[in-house]
């Protein structure tokens, strides 16, 4: 395993840990215990003559007050965060929960409160058992003041964040940011630093999936190592985000000269990480799907919020504008894995993920149709032939839905006028 492959695996592991709420509190709690041990280390320096004397009673009182207050604040923090998570699931989409849980400020606040509670409890035990000398008590006093200051600052910062955490607008921003990062990474490496896939050859050794789930990550470095050892080539058949099941082919292994390969199919399958749910950072299409689901929920009769759907359309337009923007030469991918072939993302599939639900559920709201047609017109004019064809296809679908959803002929006339860009594109194609 080369350095690049280990780095990618480590990044994926760290991002998955960020979605677990217990990781940071556990780490801060361990650090708080080390703080008390640090105070004990001060007794071994023999600086009693220059350190102020801190009475046992005053130090114990400070630590007890901190312990009781931190327990209350930590309980309040957990309750507020659970309410925010429920709000994100109910107002936006349950698929946004992982992003809300991964909020750095909230995790840092909870970690600080729990860590301060553990620190104060351990400190009280140390004081009660006469574990610390004069220097140790002074260092523990300074640490207690520092922890108290950190708690105050963290609490004020966290109150500002918790007031917005879980709200619909903030959740949409989080999904957009995660999707933007995934799209930017895929723009830099359209084939995950492998070779472009020309065609899939069924004559090669097919490697099927072993379990049901979503493909979360492909360890391209591991596939390259296997292909190097066997003097073969591996063609990846699925991308992260694909639903796999036993029998679906994950990859094909082919010898350089159509020779029989010696690659172990089990090892190849192990390079494909399959989980119960899709991930934002390795699957750019997932963010588009979630944004579309938020818009569909807003357009449902129970919610009836076309304004949110219009905001989502603008968000999707920004993301597709990023995807279609020209890249600098420095941002072009370097092929690191010349024995692994990987397909690129389909622009047609990406637009399907983004707009199919909005076209269906928003066809009865003329304001949504107008904004969506304007967005499709912009995408069609970006100079990308594939995106132009996909935008025209979705504009036709929207008009077909609107024929059934809109009651006034005037509204349909407005939409047909906005859809005139399709005729201009067809005329340019015939020239």
Protein backbone atom coordinates (compact mmCIF):
# COMPACT_ATOMS: atom_id res chain seq x y z
CA UNK A 1 0.00 0.00 0.00
CA UNK A 2 1.53 3.30 -1.10
CA UNK A 3 1.35 6.58 0.81
CA UNK A 4 -1.45 8.01 -1.34
CA UNK A 5 -3.68 5.00 -0.74
CA UNK A 6 -3.07 5.06 3.01
CA UNK A 7 -3.80 8.79 3.09
CA UNK A 8 -7.14 8.36 1.30
CA UNK A 9 -8.11 5.48 3.58
CA UNK A 10 -7.21 7.56 6.65
CA UNK A 11 -9.24 10.54 5.42
CA UNK A 12 -12.27 8.32 4.80
CA UNK A 13 -11.94 6.81 8.29
CA UNK A 14 -11.64 10.24 9.94
CA UNK A 15 -14.71 11.55 8.13
CA UNK A 16 -16.71 8.55 9.25
CA UNK A 17 -15.57 9.15 12.83
CA UNK A 18 -16.74 12.76 12.61
CA UNK A 19 -20.28 11.46 12.20
CA UNK A 20 -20.05 9.73 15.60
CA UNK A 21 -21.07 11.90 18.51
CA UNK A 22 -19.00 10.09 21.15
CA UNK A 23 -15.53 10.50 19.61
CA UNK A 24 -14.70 14.07 20.61
CA UNK A 25 -16.17 13.86 24.14
CA UNK A 26 -14.12 10.73 24.76
CA UNK A 27 -10.93 12.41 23.54
CA UNK A 28 -11.50 15.53 25.66
CA UNK A 29 -12.28 13.39 28.70
CA UNK A 30 -8.96 11.59 28.35
CA UNK A 31 -7.17 14.93 28.06
CA UNK A 32 -8.87 16.18 31.23
CA UNK A 33 -7.47 13.22 33.16
CA UNK A 34 -4.01 14.02 31.85
CA UNK A 35 -4.49 17.56 33.18
CA UNK A 36 -4.70 16.28 36.73
CA UNK A 37 -1.62 14.11 36.15
CA UNK A 38 0.15 17.21 34.89
CA UNK A 39 -0.59 18.94 38.18
CA UNK A 40 0.95 15.99 40.02
CA UNK A 41 4.06 16.37 37.88
CA UNK A 42 4.50 19.92 39.19
CA UNK A 43 5.13 18.52 42.68
CA UNK A 44 8.25 16.76 41.41
CA UNK A 45 9.85 20.03 40.25
CA UNK A 46 10.14 21.25 43.85
CA UNK A 47 8.97 24.83 43.33
CA UNK A 48 6.92 25.06 46.53
CA UNK A 49 8.78 28.15 47.64
CA UNK A 50 7.70 30.32 44.72
CA UNK A 51 4.13 29.08 44.20
CA UNK A 52 1.18 30.57 46.14
CA UNK A 53 -0.51 28.35 48.65
CA UNK A 54 -4.00 27.30 47.58
CA UNK A 55 -6.10 25.88 50.39
CA UNK A 56 -7.64 22.47 49.97
CA UNK A 57 -11.13 23.77 50.85
CA UNK A 58 -11.15 26.58 48.26
CA UNK A 59 -9.86 24.30 45.50
CA UNK A 60 -12.38 21.63 46.42
CA UNK A 61 -15.22 24.16 46.38
CA UNK A 62 -14.26 25.43 42.91
CA UNK A 63 -14.08 21.91 41.51
CA UNK A 64 -17.40 20.87 43.09
CA UNK A 65 -19.17 23.92 41.68
CA UNK A 66 -17.73 23.19 38.27
CA UNK A 67 -18.72 19.52 38.46
CA UNK A 68 -22.34 20.23 39.36
CA UNK A 69 -22.76 23.02 36.79
CA UNK A 70 -21.06 21.11 33.97
CA UNK A 71 -23.34 18.13 34.46
CA UNK A 72 -26.39 20.38 34.09
CA UNK A 73 -24.98 22.19 31.06
CA UNK A 74 -23.95 18.93 29.39
CA UNK A 75 -27.45 17.53 29.89
CA UNK A 76 -28.93 20.73 28.47
CA UNK A 77 -26.55 20.55 25.50
CA UNK A 78 -27.54 16.97 24.69
CA UNK A 79 -31.24 17.86 24.85
CA UNK A 80 -30.78 20.89 22.59
CA UNK A 81 -28.75 18.91 20.08
CA UNK A 82 -31.31 16.09 19.97
CA UNK A 83 -34.03 18.67 19.32
CA UNK A 84 -31.92 20.15 16.51
CA UNK A 85 -31.39 16.71 14.97
CA UNK A 86 -35.12 16.00 15.09
CA UNK A 87 -35.82 19.38 13.48
CA UNK A 88 -33.36 18.66 10.67
CA UNK A 89 -34.94 15.27 10.01
CA UNK A 90 -38.51 16.59 10.04
CA UNK A 91 -38.11 19.86 8.15
CA UNK A 92 -35.42 18.88 5.63
CA UNK A 93 -34.65 15.17 5.19
CA UNK A 94 -33.55 12.30 7.43
CA UNK A 95 -30.55 11.94 5.11
CA UNK A 96 -29.18 15.24 6.43
CA UNK A 97 -28.76 13.90 9.96
CA UNK A 98 -25.14 12.83 9.48
CA UNK A 99 -24.16 16.35 8.40
CA UNK A 100 -25.94 17.97 11.35
CA UNK A 101 -24.34 15.54 13.80
CA UNK A 102 -20.93 16.31 12.30
CA UNK A 103 -21.29 20.01 13.17
CA UNK A 104 -17.90 20.98 14.61
CA UNK A 105 -19.11 23.70 16.96
CA UNK A 106 -21.77 21.52 18.61
CA UNK A 107 -19.42 18.57 18.96
CA UNK A 108 -16.73 20.84 20.40
CA UNK A 109 -19.21 22.33 22.88
CA UNK A 110 -20.44 18.96 24.10
CA UNK A 111 -16.87 17.71 24.33
CA UNK A 112 -15.86 20.76 26.38
CA UNK A 113 -18.75 20.40 28.83
CA UNK A 114 -18.23 16.66 29.34
CA UNK A 115 -14.44 17.10 29.56
CA UNK A 116 -14.80 19.86 32.16
CA UNK A 117 -17.10 17.62 34.19
CA UNK A 118 -14.61 14.73 34.09
CA UNK A 119 -11.74 17.10 34.93
CA UNK A 120 -13.54 18.48 37.97
CA UNK A 121 -14.51 15.02 39.26
CA UNK A 122 -10.95 13.71 38.89
CA UNK A 123 -9.65 16.88 40.52
CA UNK A 124 -11.99 16.50 43.50
CA UNK A 125 -10.80 12.93 43.99
CA UNK A 126 -7.17 14.05 43.85
CA UNK A 127 -7.80 16.79 46.43
CA UNK A 128 -9.80 14.56 48.76
CA UNK A 129 -7.07 11.92 48.77
CA UNK A 130 -4.27 14.48 49.33
CA UNK A 131 -2.75 13.37 46.04
CA UNK A 132 -1.33 16.84 45.28
CA UNK A 133 1.22 18.99 47.08
CA UNK A 134 1.51 22.76 47.20
CA UNK A 135 2.76 23.13 43.62
CA UNK A 136 0.28 20.55 42.34
CA UNK A 137 -2.66 22.32 43.95
CA UNK A 138 -1.56 25.63 42.42
CA UNK A 139 -1.25 24.09 38.94
CA UNK A 140 -4.65 22.42 39.36
CA UNK A 141 -6.10 25.80 40.40
CA UNK A 142 -4.69 27.43 37.25
CA UNK A 143 -6.04 24.60 35.11
CA UNK A 144 -9.46 24.97 36.72
CA UNK A 145 -9.51 28.70 35.91
CA UNK A 146 -8.43 27.98 32.34
CA UNK A 147 -11.08 25.30 31.90
CA UNK A 148 -13.71 27.62 33.35
CA UNK A 149 -12.76 30.35 30.85
CA UNK A 150 -12.88 27.88 27.96
CA UNK A 151 -16.32 26.70 29.09
CA UNK A 152 -17.69 30.27 29.18
CA UNK A 153 -16.33 31.09 25.72
CA UNK A 154 -17.55 27.78 24.28
CA UNK A 155 -21.01 28.20 25.79
CA UNK A 156 -21.48 31.68 24.30
CA UNK A 157 -20.30 30.51 20.91
CA UNK A 158 -22.43 27.39 21.05
CA UNK A 159 -25.62 29.27 21.99
CA UNK A 160 -25.32 31.25 18.77
CA UNK A 161 -24.87 28.05 16.75
CA UNK A 162 -27.57 25.95 18.44
CA UNK A 163 -30.12 28.67 17.68
CA UNK A 164 -29.59 27.91 13.97
CA UNK A 165 -28.57 24.24 14.06
CA UNK A 166 -31.23 22.04 12.51
CA UNK A 167 -33.08 24.93 10.89
CA UNK A 168 -34.00 24.37 7.27
CA UNK A 169 -31.83 27.12 5.81
CA UNK A 170 -28.77 26.07 7.79
CA UNK A 171 -29.31 22.42 6.85
CA UNK A 172 -29.49 23.30 3.15
CA UNK A 173 -26.22 25.22 3.48
CA UNK A 174 -24.56 22.18 5.07
CA UNK A 175 -25.74 19.87 2.30
CA UNK A 176 -24.61 22.34 -0.35
CA UNK A 177 -21.17 22.66 1.22
CA UNK A 178 -20.70 18.89 1.49
CA UNK A 179 -21.85 18.40 -2.11
CA UNK A 180 -19.60 21.20 -3.33
CA UNK A 181 -16.58 19.58 -1.70
CA UNK A 182 -17.42 16.21 -3.27
CA UNK A 183 -17.92 17.75 -6.71
CA UNK A 184 -14.67 19.68 -6.47
CA UNK A 185 -12.77 16.54 -5.56
CA UNK A 186 -14.32 14.63 -8.44
CA UNK A 187 -13.59 17.49 -10.84
CA UNK A 188 -9.92 17.19 -9.94
CA UNK A 189 -10.01 13.42 -10.38
CA UNK A 190 -12.87 12.40 -12.74
CA UNK A 191 -11.61 8.81 -12.78
CA UNK A 192 -10.33 8.74 -9.18
CA UNK A 193 -6.73 9.06 -10.48
CA UNK A 194 -7.16 5.94 -12.59
CA UNK A 195 -7.41 5.45 -16.35
CA UNK A 196 -10.60 6.40 -18.22
CA UNK A 197 -12.89 3.46 -18.85
CA UNK A 198 -13.38 2.78 -22.54
CA UNK A 199 -15.63 -0.27 -22.37
CA UNK A 200 -16.44 -3.14 -20.07
CA UNK A 201 -15.43 -6.52 -21.35
CA UNK A 202 -17.57 -9.38 -20.06
CA UNK A 203 -14.84 -11.80 -21.15
CA UNK A 204 -12.74 -10.77 -18.19
CA UNK A 205 -12.92 -12.24 -14.72
CA UNK A 206 -16.07 -10.81 -13.13
CA UNK A 207 -15.87 -9.91 -9.44
CA UNK A 208 -19.37 -9.88 -7.89
CA UNK A 209 -20.49 -8.14 -4.72
CA UNK A 210 -20.83 -10.18 -1.55
CA UNK A 211 -23.40 -8.13 0.36
CA UNK A 212 -26.30 -5.75 -0.10
CA UNK A 213 -25.69 -2.06 0.43
CA UNK A 214 -24.35 1.14 -1.06
CA UNK A 215 -20.82 1.40 -2.34
CA UNK A 216 -19.13 3.98 -0.10
CA UNK A 217 -15.53 3.92 -1.24
CA UNK A 218 -13.19 2.25 -3.72
CA UNK A 219 -9.61 1.61 -2.65
CA UNK A 220 -8.02 2.32 -6.03
CA UNK A 221 -4.51 1.97 -4.61
CA UNK A 222 -5.27 -1.59 -3.46
CA UNK A 223 -6.65 -2.46 -6.90
CA UNK A 224 -3.51 -1.05 -8.53
CA UNK A 225 -1.33 -3.18 -6.27
CA UNK A 226 -3.29 -6.34 -7.12
CA UNK A 227 -3.15 -5.57 -10.84
CA UNK A 228 0.61 -4.91 -10.71
CA UNK A 229 1.31 -8.21 -9.00
CA UNK A 230 -0.73 -10.18 -11.54
CA UNK A 231 0.28 -8.14 -14.61
CA UNK A 232 -3.37 -7.49 -15.35
CA UNK A 233 -5.86 -4.63 -15.62
CA UNK A 234 -8.94 -4.01 -13.48
CA UNK A 235 -12.00 -2.26 -14.90
CA UNK A 236 -14.27 -0.79 -12.22
CA UNK A 237 -17.94 -1.33 -13.04
CA UNK A 238 -19.62 0.73 -10.29
CA UNK A 239 -18.99 4.08 -8.66
CA UNK A 240 -19.48 5.17 -5.02
CA UNK A 241 -23.18 5.61 -4.36
CA UNK A 242 -24.27 2.63 -6.45
CA UNK A 243 -26.58 0.05 -4.93
CA UNK A 244 -24.91 -3.35 -5.00
CA UNK A 245 -26.12 -6.83 -4.15
CA UNK A 246 -24.78 -10.36 -4.49
CA UNK A 247 -24.43 -11.05 -8.18
CA UNK A 248 -23.82 -7.48 -9.31
CA UNK A 249 -20.39 -7.11 -10.85
CA UNK A 250 -18.06 -4.71 -9.06
CA UNK A 251 -15.14 -5.00 -11.45
CA UNK A 252 -13.66 -7.01 -14.30
CA UNK A 253 -10.10 -8.32 -14.26
CA UNK A 254 -8.37 -8.79 -17.60
CA UNK A 255 -4.89 -9.99 -18.45
CA UNK A 256 -2.64 -7.82 -20.57
CA UNK A 257 -2.86 -10.27 -23.45
CA UNK A 258 -6.23 -11.83 -22.70
CA UNK A 259 -4.40 -14.35 -20.55
CA UNK A 260 -5.97 -15.92 -17.53
CA UNK A 261 -5.25 -13.80 -14.47
CA UNK A 262 -4.20 -14.90 -11.03
CA UNK A 263 -5.93 -12.07 -9.15
CA UNK A 264 -7.88 -13.23 -6.12
CA UNK A 265 -11.47 -12.07 -6.56
CA UNK A 266 -11.94 -11.91 -2.78
CA UNK A 267 -9.13 -9.38 -2.48
CA UNK A 268 -10.59 -7.32 -5.30
CA UNK A 269 -14.01 -7.31 -3.63
CA UNK A 270 -12.44 -6.17 -0.35
CA UNK A 271 -11.28 -2.97 -2.07
CA UNK A 272 -14.96 -1.99 -2.48
CA UNK A 273 -16.32 -0.68 0.85
CA UNK A 274 -20.06 -1.37 1.08
CA UNK A 275 -22.25 0.12 3.82
CA UNK A 276 -25.86 0.64 4.75
CA UNK A 277 -26.05 4.24 3.56
CA UNK A 278 -24.50 6.57 1.03
CA UNK A 279 -21.88 9.13 1.98
CA UNK A 280 -21.58 12.76 0.95
CA UNK A 281 -17.83 13.09 0.57
CA UNK A 282 -17.19 10.22 -1.85
CA UNK A 283 -20.54 10.34 -3.66
CA UNK A 284 -21.29 13.73 -5.26
CA UNK A 285 -24.66 12.54 -6.56
CA UNK A 286 -25.90 11.85 -3.04
CA UNK A 287 -25.92 15.53 -2.15
CA UNK A 288 -27.92 16.29 -5.30
CA UNK A 289 -30.45 13.61 -4.35
CA UNK A 290 -30.83 14.98 -0.81
CA UNK A 291 -31.32 18.54 -2.05
CA UNK A 292 -33.97 17.28 -4.47
CA UNK A 293 -35.70 15.43 -1.63
CA UNK A 294 -35.76 18.60 0.49
CA UNK A 295 -37.41 20.46 -2.39
CA UNK A 296 -39.93 17.64 -2.92
CA UNK A 297 -40.87 17.74 0.77
CA UNK A 298 -41.33 21.51 0.58
CA UNK A 299 -43.64 21.08 -2.44
CA UNK A 300 -45.79 18.43 -0.76
CA UNK A 301 -49.40 19.47 0.10
CA UNK A 302 -48.64 19.08 3.80
CA UNK A 303 -45.85 21.69 3.69
CA UNK A 304 -46.71 23.79 0.60
CA UNK A 305 -43.52 25.88 0.62
CA UNK A 306 -42.56 26.66 -3.00
CA UNK A 307 -40.07 29.27 -1.78
CA UNK A 308 -37.83 26.55 -0.36
CA UNK A 309 -38.02 24.66 -3.66
CA UNK A 310 -36.93 27.83 -5.48
CA UNK A 311 -33.99 28.19 -3.08
CA UNK A 312 -33.02 24.58 -3.78
CA UNK A 313 -33.11 25.22 -7.52
CA UNK A 314 -30.68 28.10 -7.08
CA UNK A 315 -28.47 25.90 -4.91
CA UNK A 316 -28.45 23.17 -7.57
CA UNK A 317 -27.66 25.76 -10.23
CA UNK A 318 -24.62 26.93 -8.26
CA UNK A 319 -23.40 23.35 -7.93
CA UNK A 320 -23.80 22.58 -11.64
CA UNK A 321 -22.13 25.87 -12.52
CA UNK A 322 -19.19 24.75 -10.39
CA UNK A 323 -19.14 21.37 -12.13
CA UNK A 324 -19.21 22.91 -15.60
CA UNK A 325 -16.72 25.71 -14.93
CA UNK A 326 -13.38 25.47 -16.80
CA UNK A 327 -10.48 24.15 -14.75
CA UNK A 328 -6.94 25.40 -14.52
CA UNK A 329 -4.28 23.19 -16.00
CA UNK A 330 -2.82 22.70 -12.53
CA UNK A 331 -6.11 21.14 -11.38
CA UNK A 332 -6.13 18.38 -14.01
CA UNK A 333 -5.76 14.94 -12.53
CA UNK A 334 -2.52 13.04 -12.74
CA UNK A 335 -2.94 9.36 -13.47
CA UNK A 336 -1.52 7.52 -10.48
CA UNK A 337 -3.06 4.11 -11.19
CA UNK A 338 -2.42 3.10 -14.78
CA UNK A 339 -3.77 -0.43 -14.38
CA UNK A 340 -7.20 0.55 -13.03
CA UNK A 341 -9.93 1.85 -15.33
CA UNK A 342 -12.71 3.91 -13.74
CA UNK A 343 -15.87 5.35 -15.36
CA UNK A 344 -16.64 9.05 -15.05
CA UNK A 345 -19.79 10.52 -13.55
CA UNK A 346 -22.70 10.84 -15.97
CA UNK A 347 -23.95 14.42 -16.31
CA UNK A 348 -27.33 13.08 -17.44
CA UNK A 349 -27.63 11.03 -14.25
CA UNK A 350 -26.63 14.02 -12.14
CA UNK A 351 -29.37 16.19 -13.64
CA UNK A 352 -31.84 13.34 -13.14
CA UNK A 353 -30.88 13.18 -9.47
CA UNK A 354 -31.35 16.92 -9.09
CA UNK A 355 -34.48 17.76 -11.08
CA UNK A 356 -36.76 14.74 -11.59
CA UNK A 357 -38.59 15.12 -8.27
CA UNK A 358 -38.84 18.91 -8.57
CA UNK A 359 -40.31 18.63 -12.08
CA UNK A 360 -42.91 16.16 -10.87
CA UNK A 361 -43.94 17.86 -7.62
CA UNK A 362 -43.46 21.47 -8.71
CA UNK A 363 -45.38 21.29 -11.99
CA UNK A 364 -48.46 22.79 -10.34
CA UNK A 365 -46.64 25.92 -9.09
CA UNK A 366 -45.92 28.32 -11.93
CA UNK A 367 -43.27 30.21 -9.92
CA UNK A 368 -41.31 26.99 -9.42
CA UNK A 369 -41.61 26.08 -13.11
CA UNK A 370 -40.39 29.52 -14.18
CA UNK A 371 -37.35 29.37 -11.94
CA UNK A 372 -36.53 25.83 -13.01
CA UNK A 373 -36.77 26.69 -16.71
CA UNK A 374 -34.46 29.65 -16.19
CA UNK A 375 -31.96 27.39 -14.42
CA UNK A 376 -32.13 24.81 -17.23
CA UNK A 377 -31.67 27.57 -19.79
CA UNK A 378 -28.50 28.67 -18.02
CA UNK A 379 -27.17 25.11 -17.88
CA UNK A 380 -27.87 24.65 -21.58
CA UNK A 381 -25.81 27.75 -22.41
CA UNK A 382 -22.69 26.67 -20.49
CA UNK A 383 -21.00 25.19 -23.56
CA UNK A 384 -21.08 21.56 -22.40
CA UNK A 385 -22.76 19.41 -25.03
CA UNK A 386 -23.79 16.67 -22.61
CA UNK A 387 -25.21 19.14 -20.12
CA UNK A 388 -27.01 20.97 -22.93
CA UNK A 389 -28.73 17.79 -24.06
CA UNK A 390 -29.68 16.88 -20.50
CA UNK A 391 -31.03 20.38 -19.81
CA UNK A 392 -33.20 20.28 -22.94
CA UNK A 393 -34.47 16.83 -21.96
CA UNK A 394 -35.54 18.06 -18.53
CA UNK A 395 -37.11 21.21 -19.97
CA UNK A 396 -39.31 19.01 -22.16
CA UNK A 397 -40.25 16.88 -19.15
CA UNK A 398 -41.16 19.98 -17.15
CA UNK A 399 -43.40 21.29 -19.93
CA UNK A 400 -45.13 17.91 -20.18
CA UNK A 401 -45.77 17.88 -16.43
CA UNK A 402 -46.93 21.51 -16.48
CA UNK A 403 -49.50 20.72 -19.19
CA UNK A 404 -51.24 18.58 -16.60
CA UNK A 405 -50.48 20.61 -13.48
CA UNK A 406 -51.25 24.20 -14.51
CA UNK A 407 -54.84 25.31 -14.97
CA UNK A 408 -54.39 28.70 -16.68
CA UNK A 409 -53.38 28.89 -20.37
CA UNK A 410 -51.56 32.14 -19.61
CA UNK A 411 -49.17 30.28 -17.32
CA UNK A 412 -48.41 27.70 -20.00
CA UNK A 413 -47.80 30.46 -22.53
CA UNK A 414 -45.26 32.00 -20.15
CA UNK A 415 -43.47 28.69 -19.76
CA UNK A 416 -43.37 28.02 -23.51
CA UNK A 417 -41.85 31.44 -24.03
CA UNK A 418 -39.17 30.71 -21.46
CA UNK A 419 -38.56 27.32 -23.07
CA UNK A 420 -37.71 28.99 -26.36
CA UNK A 421 -34.05 28.29 -25.67
CA UNK A 422 -34.68 24.68 -26.73
CA UNK A 423 -35.63 25.74 -30.25
CA UNK A 424 -32.55 27.94 -30.49
CA UNK A 425 -30.35 25.01 -29.49
CA UNK A 426 -32.00 22.71 -32.03
CA UNK A 427 -31.52 25.30 -34.78
CA UNK A 428 -27.84 25.62 -33.91
CA UNK A 429 -27.48 21.84 -34.04
CA UNK A 430 -28.94 21.71 -37.57
CA UNK A 431 -26.56 24.32 -38.92
